[in-house]
Amino acid sequence: VAVFAGEAKVDLAVLNDHELDLNTSMMYRNEDYIEAIRLVSEKKVLLAPLVSKHFAFRDYLEAYRYIDENRESTMKVIINVQE
């Protein structure tokens, strides 16, 4: 299970010819958010280790450069709009 990065190319004729079904699902449901909030509030999931770096809003271009230069190791970059 993953989020596909590009446009998926599916040969619908193959599905039709072989009487196959193509099923999709929503990435996130309301229940997922409620459960995530509960887990974070109970400190069962720690968010701080997911944050790679913080930037002030005025440095947003630097933040995007950082993301581009560190694609393999960057998890989340926070741009603080109040700074």
C-alpha atoms as a PDB file:
ATOM      1  CA  VAL A   1       0.000   0.000   0.000  1.00  0.00           C
ATOM      2  CA  ALA A   2       1.432   3.336  -1.004  1.00  0.00           C
ATOM      3  CA  VAL A   3       0.700   6.608  -2.703  1.00  0.00           C
ATOM      4  CA  PHE A   4       1.595   6.299  -6.373  1.00  0.00           C
ATOM      5  CA  ALA A   5       3.924   9.166  -7.363  1.00  0.00           C
ATOM      6  CA  GLY A   6       3.021   9.391 -11.038  1.00  0.00           C
ATOM      7  CA  GLU A   7       0.080   8.908 -13.302  1.00  0.00           C
ATOM      8  CA  ALA A   8      -0.924   5.260 -13.361  1.00  0.00           C
ATOM      9  CA  LYS A   9      -1.353   3.713 -16.791  1.00  0.00           C
ATOM     10  CA  VAL A  10      -3.869   0.898 -16.764  1.00  0.00           C
ATOM     11  CA  ASP A  11      -4.893  -1.061 -19.831  1.00  0.00           C
ATOM     12  CA  LEU A  12      -8.633  -1.303 -19.270  1.00  0.00           C
ATOM     13  CA  ALA A  13      -8.970  -3.728 -22.187  1.00  0.00           C
ATOM     14  CA  VAL A  14      -6.865  -6.267 -20.248  1.00  0.00           C
ATOM     15  CA  LEU A  15      -9.133  -5.844 -17.235  1.00  0.00           C
ATOM     16  CA  ASN A  16     -12.162  -6.289 -19.452  1.00  0.00           C
ATOM     17  CA  ASP A  17     -10.815  -9.277 -21.383  1.00  0.00           C
ATOM     18  CA  HIS A  18      -9.848 -11.127 -18.224  1.00  0.00           C
ATOM     19  CA  GLU A  19     -12.907 -10.039 -16.252  1.00  0.00           C
ATOM     20  CA  LEU A  20     -10.714  -8.446 -13.591  1.00  0.00           C
ATOM     21  CA  ASP A  21     -11.841  -5.899 -11.028  1.00  0.00           C
ATOM     22  CA  LEU A  22      -9.924  -2.757 -10.165  1.00  0.00           C
ATOM     23  CA  ASN A  23     -10.606  -1.537  -6.652  1.00  0.00           C
ATOM     24  CA  THR A  24      -9.365   1.680  -5.127  1.00  0.00           C
ATOM     25  CA  SER A  25      -9.542   3.132  -1.670  1.00  0.00           C
ATOM     26  CA  MET A  26      -9.398   6.523  -0.065  1.00  0.00           C
ATOM     27  CA  MET A  27      -5.982   7.440   1.290  1.00  0.00           C
ATOM     28  CA  TYR A  28      -7.337   8.848   4.537  1.00  0.00           C
ATOM     29  CA  ARG A  29     -10.677   8.586   6.283  1.00  0.00           C
ATOM     30  CA  ASN A  30     -12.105  10.665   9.117  1.00  0.00           C
ATOM     31  CA  GLU A  31     -11.608   7.702  11.462  1.00  0.00           C
ATOM     32  CA  ASP A  32      -7.892   7.721  10.621  1.00  0.00           C
ATOM     33  CA  TYR A  33      -7.538  11.325  11.779  1.00  0.00           C
ATOM     34  CA  ILE A  34      -9.455  10.676  14.996  1.00  0.00           C
ATOM     35  CA  GLU A  35      -7.278   7.664  15.780  1.00  0.00           C
ATOM     36  CA  ALA A  36      -4.084   9.595  14.974  1.00  0.00           C
ATOM     37  CA  ILE A  37      -5.091  12.473  17.255  1.00  0.00           C
ATOM     38  CA  ARG A  38      -5.847  10.004  20.042  1.00  0.00           C
ATOM     39  CA  LEU A  39      -2.490   8.251  19.661  1.00  0.00           C
ATOM     40  CA  VAL A  40      -0.586  11.540  19.681  1.00  0.00           C
ATOM     41  CA  SER A  41      -2.500  12.895  22.677  1.00  0.00           C
ATOM     42  CA  GLU A  42      -1.761   9.666  24.582  1.00  0.00           C
ATOM     43  CA  LYS A  43       1.925  10.050  23.607  1.00  0.00           C
ATOM     44  CA  LYS A  44       1.874   6.652  21.899  1.00  0.00           C
ATOM     45  CA  VAL A  45       3.089   8.350  18.718  1.00  0.00           C
ATOM     46  CA  LEU A  46       5.831  10.977  18.972  1.00  0.00           C
ATOM     47  CA  LEU A  47       5.832  13.561  16.210  1.00  0.00           C
ATOM     48  CA  ALA A  48       9.104  15.369  16.976  1.00  0.00           C
ATOM     49  CA  PRO A  49      11.349  12.640  15.483  1.00  0.00           C
ATOM     50  CA  LEU A  50       9.487  13.021  12.164  1.00  0.00           C
ATOM     51  CA  VAL A  51      10.482  16.685  11.776  1.00  0.00           C
ATOM     52  CA  SER A  52      13.679  17.096   9.774  1.00  0.00           C
ATOM     53  CA  LYS A  53      14.058  20.862  10.042  1.00  0.00           C
ATOM     54  CA  HIS A  54      12.275  24.116  10.899  1.00  0.00           C
ATOM     55  CA  PHE A  55      12.329  27.321   8.819  1.00  0.00           C
ATOM     56  CA  ALA A  56      10.881  30.778   9.337  1.00  0.00           C
ATOM     57  CA  PHE A  57       8.349  31.825   6.705  1.00  0.00           C
ATOM     58  CA  ARG A  58      10.738  34.468   5.353  1.00  0.00           C
ATOM     59  CA  ASP A  59      13.162  31.592   4.571  1.00  0.00           C
ATOM     60  CA  TYR A  60      10.667  29.484   2.638  1.00  0.00           C
ATOM     61  CA  LEU A  61      12.890  29.362  -0.480  1.00  0.00           C
ATOM     62  CA  GLU A  62      15.723  27.986   1.615  1.00  0.00           C
ATOM     63  CA  ALA A  63      13.292  25.399   3.002  1.00  0.00           C
ATOM     64  CA  TYR A  64      12.390  24.209  -0.491  1.00  0.00           C
ATOM     65  CA  ARG A  65      16.066  24.082  -1.467  1.00  0.00           C
ATOM     66  CA  TYR A  66      16.715  21.994   1.639  1.00  0.00           C
ATOM     67  CA  ILE A  67      13.957  19.587   0.642  1.00  0.00           C
ATOM     68  CA  ASP A  68      15.295  19.287  -2.926  1.00  0.00           C
ATOM     69  CA  GLU A  69      18.861  18.715  -1.720  1.00  0.00           C
ATOM     70  CA  ASN A  70      17.886  16.174   0.950  1.00  0.00           C
ATOM     71  CA  ARG A  71      15.077  14.195  -0.686  1.00  0.00           C
ATOM     72  CA  GLU A  72      16.209  10.827   0.626  1.00  0.00           C
ATOM     73  CA  SER A  73      16.547  11.864   4.268  1.00  0.00           C
ATOM     74  CA  THR A  74      13.857  14.531   4.709  1.00  0.00           C
ATOM     75  CA  MET A  75      10.664  13.464   6.414  1.00  0.00           C
ATOM     76  CA  LYS A  76       8.838  16.695   7.363  1.00  0.00           C
ATOM     77  CA  VAL A  77       9.939  20.295   7.029  1.00  0.00           C
ATOM     78  CA  ILE A  78       8.084  22.861   9.104  1.00  0.00           C
ATOM     79  CA  ILE A  79       7.662  26.402   7.757  1.00  0.00           C
ATOM     80  CA  ASN A  80       6.543  28.590  10.640  1.00  0.00           C
ATOM     81  CA  VAL A  81       4.300  31.316   9.233  1.00  0.00           C
ATOM     82  CA  GLN A  82       4.513  33.307  12.464  1.00  0.00           C
ATOM     83  CA  GLU A  83       8.276  33.820  12.194  1.00  0.00           C
END
